[in-house]
Protein backbone atom coordinates (compact mmCIF):
# COMPACT_ATOMS: atom_id res chain seq x y z
CA MET A 1 -0.04 -0.07 -0.24
CA ILE A 2 1.36 3.50 -0.98
CA SER A 3 0.05 7.08 0.03
CA LEU A 4 0.37 9.57 -2.50
CA ILE A 5 -0.85 13.12 -2.94
CA ASN A 6 -3.04 13.01 -5.85
CA ASN A 7 -5.50 14.96 -7.81
CA ASP A 8 -8.81 13.05 -8.09
CA ALA A 9 -11.09 15.28 -5.81
CA ARG A 10 -12.36 17.65 -8.12
CA ARG A 11 -11.86 17.98 -12.01
CA LEU A 12 -11.85 21.49 -13.40
CA PRO A 13 -12.26 22.04 -17.38
CA LEU A 14 -9.55 23.92 -19.16
CA ALA A 15 -10.02 26.01 -22.31
CA ASN A 16 -8.66 23.21 -24.65
CA GLY A 17 -10.95 20.57 -23.52
CA CYS A 18 -8.65 18.90 -20.96
CA VAL A 19 -8.98 18.72 -17.45
CA VAL A 20 -6.97 19.10 -14.26
CA ASP A 21 -7.87 17.81 -10.50
CA GLN A 22 -7.98 19.45 -7.42
CA LEU A 23 -5.55 18.30 -4.60
CA SER A 24 -6.51 15.48 -2.37
CA ILE A 25 -5.01 12.85 -0.19
CA PHE A 26 -5.65 9.07 -0.40
CA SER A 27 -4.19 5.55 -0.54
CA PHE A 28 -4.17 3.12 -3.23
CA THR A 29 -2.96 -0.38 -3.99
CA THR A 30 0.05 -0.36 -6.20
CA PRO A 31 -1.15 -1.75 -9.45
CA ASP A 32 0.83 -4.66 -11.08
CA MET A 33 2.11 -3.80 -14.33
CA PRO A 34 5.67 -5.30 -15.07
CA LYS A 35 5.49 -4.69 -18.57
CA LEU A 36 3.83 -1.38 -20.39
CA ASP A 37 0.44 -2.14 -21.04
CA LEU A 38 -1.13 0.85 -23.20
CA SER A 39 -4.88 -0.47 -22.55
CA ARG A 40 -4.28 0.50 -18.99
CA CYS A 41 -2.56 3.73 -19.41
CA TYR A 42 -3.48 7.33 -20.14
CA ALA A 43 -1.88 10.76 -19.86
CA ARG A 44 -3.41 14.26 -19.08
CA LEU A 45 -2.86 17.69 -17.78
CA ILE A 46 -2.67 17.71 -14.11
CA ASN A 47 -2.57 20.43 -11.02
CA HIS A 48 0.81 21.66 -11.02
CA GLN A 49 0.62 21.37 -6.99
CA THR A 50 0.36 17.59 -7.58
CA ALA A 51 3.26 17.35 -9.81
CA ALA A 52 5.22 19.22 -7.45
CA ASN A 53 4.45 17.01 -4.57
CA MET A 54 5.42 14.06 -6.64
CA VAL A 55 8.66 15.57 -7.94
CA LYS A 56 9.81 16.77 -4.50
CA THR A 57 8.95 13.39 -2.80
CA TYR A 58 10.35 10.90 -5.37
CA HIS A 59 12.59 12.46 -8.01
CA TYR A 60 16.28 12.35 -7.10
CA ALA A 61 16.72 16.02 -6.95
CA HIS A 62 13.88 16.61 -4.56
CA ARG A 63 13.54 20.17 -5.86
CA VAL A 64 10.40 21.76 -7.51
CA PRO A 65 11.26 23.44 -10.85
CA SER A 66 9.34 26.30 -12.50
CA ILE A 67 6.19 24.41 -13.87
CA THR A 68 4.25 25.82 -16.96
CA TYR A 69 2.80 22.43 -18.07
CA ALA A 70 2.42 19.24 -15.69
CA ILE A 71 1.34 16.15 -17.34
CA GLY A 72 0.41 12.92 -15.28
CA MET A 73 0.74 9.23 -16.31
CA TYR A 74 -2.09 7.19 -14.85
CA VAL A 75 -2.24 3.26 -14.84
CA ASP A 76 -5.72 1.92 -13.72
CA GLY A 77 -6.65 5.33 -12.79
CA VAL A 78 -3.83 5.70 -10.31
CA LEU A 79 -1.16 8.37 -10.75
CA ALA A 80 1.95 6.62 -11.77
CA GLY A 81 4.43 9.46 -12.67
CA CYS A 82 4.69 13.08 -14.13
CA ALA A 83 6.39 15.14 -16.55
CA THR A 84 6.82 18.86 -16.00
CA PHE A 85 7.78 21.54 -18.53
CA GLY A 86 8.81 25.08 -17.79
CA PRO A 87 11.15 27.90 -18.53
CA PRO A 88 14.70 26.85 -19.08
CA ALA A 89 16.69 26.72 -15.79
CA SER A 90 19.42 29.06 -17.56
CA SER A 91 18.14 32.46 -18.47
CA LYS A 92 20.50 32.17 -21.62
CA THR A 93 19.19 28.96 -22.88
CA SER A 94 16.00 30.50 -24.45
CA LYS A 95 17.99 32.55 -26.93
CA ALA A 96 20.92 30.23 -27.27
CA VAL A 97 19.05 27.20 -28.84
CA CYS A 98 17.62 28.90 -32.07
CA GLY A 99 18.10 32.64 -31.46
CA ASP A 100 16.10 35.69 -30.31
CA LYS A 101 13.21 34.79 -32.90
CA TYR A 102 12.23 31.44 -31.08
CA SER A 103 13.19 32.34 -27.55
CA GLY A 104 9.55 32.86 -26.61
CA ILE A 105 8.69 29.17 -27.56
CA VAL A 106 11.36 27.25 -25.57
CA LEU A 107 10.61 24.88 -22.82
CA GLU A 108 12.56 22.59 -20.66
CA LEU A 109 11.54 19.15 -19.60
CA ASN A 110 12.87 19.73 -16.34
CA ARG A 111 11.42 16.97 -14.27
CA LEU A 112 10.54 13.25 -15.33
CA TYR A 113 9.60 10.64 -12.81
CA VAL A 114 7.44 7.58 -13.13
CA HIS A 115 7.24 4.76 -10.39
CA GLU A 116 8.96 1.62 -11.04
CA TRP A 117 5.74 -0.42 -10.79
CA ALA A 118 4.78 1.28 -13.95
CA GLY A 119 6.86 -1.12 -15.94
CA ARG A 120 9.61 -0.72 -18.63
CA ASN A 121 9.35 1.85 -21.46
CA SER A 122 6.78 4.19 -19.19
CA GLU A 123 9.07 7.07 -19.29
CA SER A 124 9.44 7.24 -22.97
CA TRP A 125 5.69 6.59 -23.19
CA LEU A 126 5.10 9.65 -21.13
CA ILE A 127 7.30 11.84 -23.07
CA GLY A 128 5.71 10.86 -26.21
CA ARG A 129 2.03 11.64 -24.99
CA SER A 130 3.29 14.98 -23.62
CA PHE A 131 4.16 15.85 -27.06
CA LYS A 132 0.36 15.88 -27.89
CA LEU A 133 -0.69 17.86 -24.82
CA LEU A 134 1.84 20.84 -25.26
CA SER A 135 1.25 23.97 -27.41
CA ARG A 136 2.80 24.16 -30.69
CA PRO A 137 5.14 25.27 -32.29
CA ALA A 138 7.68 24.57 -29.32
CA ILE A 139 11.35 23.99 -28.80
CA LEU A 140 12.09 21.46 -26.12
CA VAL A 141 15.37 21.19 -24.23
CA SER A 142 16.16 18.63 -21.90
CA TYR A 143 19.42 17.40 -19.92
CA ALA A 144 20.72 14.22 -18.41
CA ASP A 145 23.19 14.71 -15.44
CA THR A 146 26.64 13.26 -15.86
CA GLY A 147 27.15 13.66 -12.10
CA LYS A 148 24.32 11.03 -11.85
CA GLU A 149 25.97 8.97 -14.72
CA HIS A 150 22.78 9.42 -16.70
CA ILE A 151 23.06 9.29 -20.43
CA GLY A 152 19.60 10.14 -21.59
CA TYR A 153 18.52 6.92 -23.03
CA VAL A 154 14.91 8.02 -22.42
CA TYR A 155 15.53 11.00 -25.08
CA GLN A 156 17.15 8.60 -27.50
CA ALA A 157 14.33 6.45 -27.44
CA THR A 158 12.03 9.17 -28.22
CA ASN A 159 14.21 10.76 -31.05
CA TRP A 160 15.39 13.79 -29.48
CA ILE A 161 18.43 15.67 -31.23
CA TYR A 162 21.55 15.26 -29.15
CA THR A 163 23.76 18.41 -29.04
CA GLY A 164 26.46 17.47 -26.91
CA LEU A 165 27.80 18.64 -23.22
CA SER A 166 26.37 21.76 -21.57
CA ASP A 167 29.05 24.42 -21.02
CA GLY A 168 29.41 24.45 -17.17
CA SER A 169 31.80 27.14 -16.80
CA GLY A 170 31.18 29.75 -13.97
CA CYS A 171 27.78 27.82 -13.29
CA PHE A 172 26.31 26.28 -10.14
CA SER A 173 23.55 23.66 -9.97
CA ARG A 174 22.40 24.85 -6.48
CA ILE A 175 22.96 28.15 -4.20
CA VAL A 176 22.01 27.95 -0.58
CA VAL A 177 21.03 31.06 1.11
CA ASP A 178 19.94 31.13 4.83
CA GLY A 179 19.29 27.32 4.74
CA LYS A 180 17.26 27.46 1.39
CA GLU A 181 18.19 25.96 -1.79
CA ARG A 182 17.77 28.47 -4.86
CA THR A 183 18.64 27.94 -8.57
CA SER A 184 21.12 30.40 -10.34
CA LYS A 185 18.21 31.45 -12.45
CA SER A 186 16.24 32.91 -9.50
CA PHE A 187 19.25 35.06 -8.78
CA TYR A 188 19.12 36.35 -12.44
CA ASP A 189 15.67 37.45 -12.05
CA GLU A 190 16.47 39.18 -8.83
CA LEU A 191 19.83 40.66 -9.41
CA GLY A 192 20.34 40.58 -13.08
CA SER A 193 23.13 38.23 -13.00
CA GLN A 194 24.09 34.74 -11.98
CA ALA A 195 27.83 35.72 -11.44
CA LYS A 196 29.21 34.40 -8.25
CA ALA A 197 30.59 37.67 -7.32
CA VAL A 198 27.29 39.55 -7.97
CA ILE A 199 25.39 37.02 -5.95
CA SER A 200 28.27 36.84 -3.15
CA LYS A 201 27.95 40.57 -2.71
CA ARG A 202 24.24 40.48 -2.07
CA TYR A 203 24.37 37.24 0.11
CA PRO A 204 27.91 36.99 1.51
CA ASP A 205 26.92 33.77 3.32
CA ALA A 206 25.87 31.89 0.07
CA VAL A 207 27.06 28.46 -0.35
CA PHE A 208 27.62 27.36 -3.92
CA HIS A 209 27.47 24.05 -5.42
CA GLU A 210 29.45 23.24 -8.29
CA TYR A 211 27.63 22.69 -11.84
CA THR A 212 28.36 19.12 -13.43
CA ARG A 213 28.07 19.27 -17.23
CA LYS A 214 25.12 17.48 -18.61
CA HIS A 215 24.05 15.84 -21.87
CA ARG A 216 22.05 18.15 -23.83
CA TYR A 217 19.03 17.15 -26.03
CA VAL A 218 16.59 19.21 -28.17
CA TYR A 219 13.07 18.22 -29.70
CA PHE A 220 11.10 20.27 -32.11
CA LEU A 221 7.14 20.49 -31.82
CA GLY A 222 5.00 21.60 -34.86
CA THR A 223 4.08 21.15 -38.28
CA LYS A 224 6.53 19.72 -40.58
CA LYS A 225 7.56 22.97 -42.12
CA GLU A 226 7.83 24.40 -38.79
CA ARG A 227 10.16 21.80 -37.31
CA LYS A 228 12.21 22.04 -40.63
CA VAL A 229 12.54 25.89 -40.11
CA MET A 230 13.50 25.53 -36.50
CA ARG A 231 15.93 22.79 -37.17
CA GLN A 232 17.58 25.00 -39.33
CA SER A 233 17.99 27.68 -36.91
CA LEU A 234 19.55 25.25 -34.23
CA ARG A 235 22.74 26.92 -33.10
CA TRP A 236 24.19 23.89 -31.22
CA SER A 237 26.12 21.29 -33.22
CA VAL A 238 24.40 17.97 -33.52
CA SER A 239 26.30 14.99 -32.28
CA GLU A 240 26.15 11.17 -32.26
CA TYR A 241 24.19 9.69 -29.23
CA PRO A 242 26.40 9.00 -26.37
CA LYS A 243 26.74 5.52 -24.89
CA LEU A 244 28.00 3.92 -21.83
């Protein structure tokens, strides 16, 4: 028996005809699905707070990112996982991918979590279903953390474009101020800079955690013509998929 914070108390309609649920707490018996069974699965937009609770509790980072879209995977009506999309963690990424022209449609797949009991290939299925629920056109970016020995096989399985390792020079993955963790982006929003010197001047006791380089992936959503034009505007070099 697993207890989870879920979203099945009250459902609210959205403009696009999808639904989100209001927060409630309940217990359920874990479904038994050793292999992905599509007849038992569906995906839909979910309440951001529900996604935040799942991410904070179960994702290895235990931190909640900025969320624009939250999409849940359900197995037999039970929330099995979620994918969240939001503004890129680095303020420079939106322009760096394909230039200023497309900076307003860049989203980062910033959290992905699916319970192990949901079976193999569930994460790649959830990513694929998420594509159908996001606004288009869109440019998606996501990362696989080398510090956790992640390669990004789930992105490779869903045909993302690999663009090499991110530039970690001068960056920090986490900054702790007064016992609270903050992302470098939050300091850019507050101070207009992510530089250590600028942050340290404002917060002398800040603790900086070094950034580990990450495998970087890109995906284009849109019509065939839109995808072609965006792909031609890609500023990052394309490389072969990495392997262990």
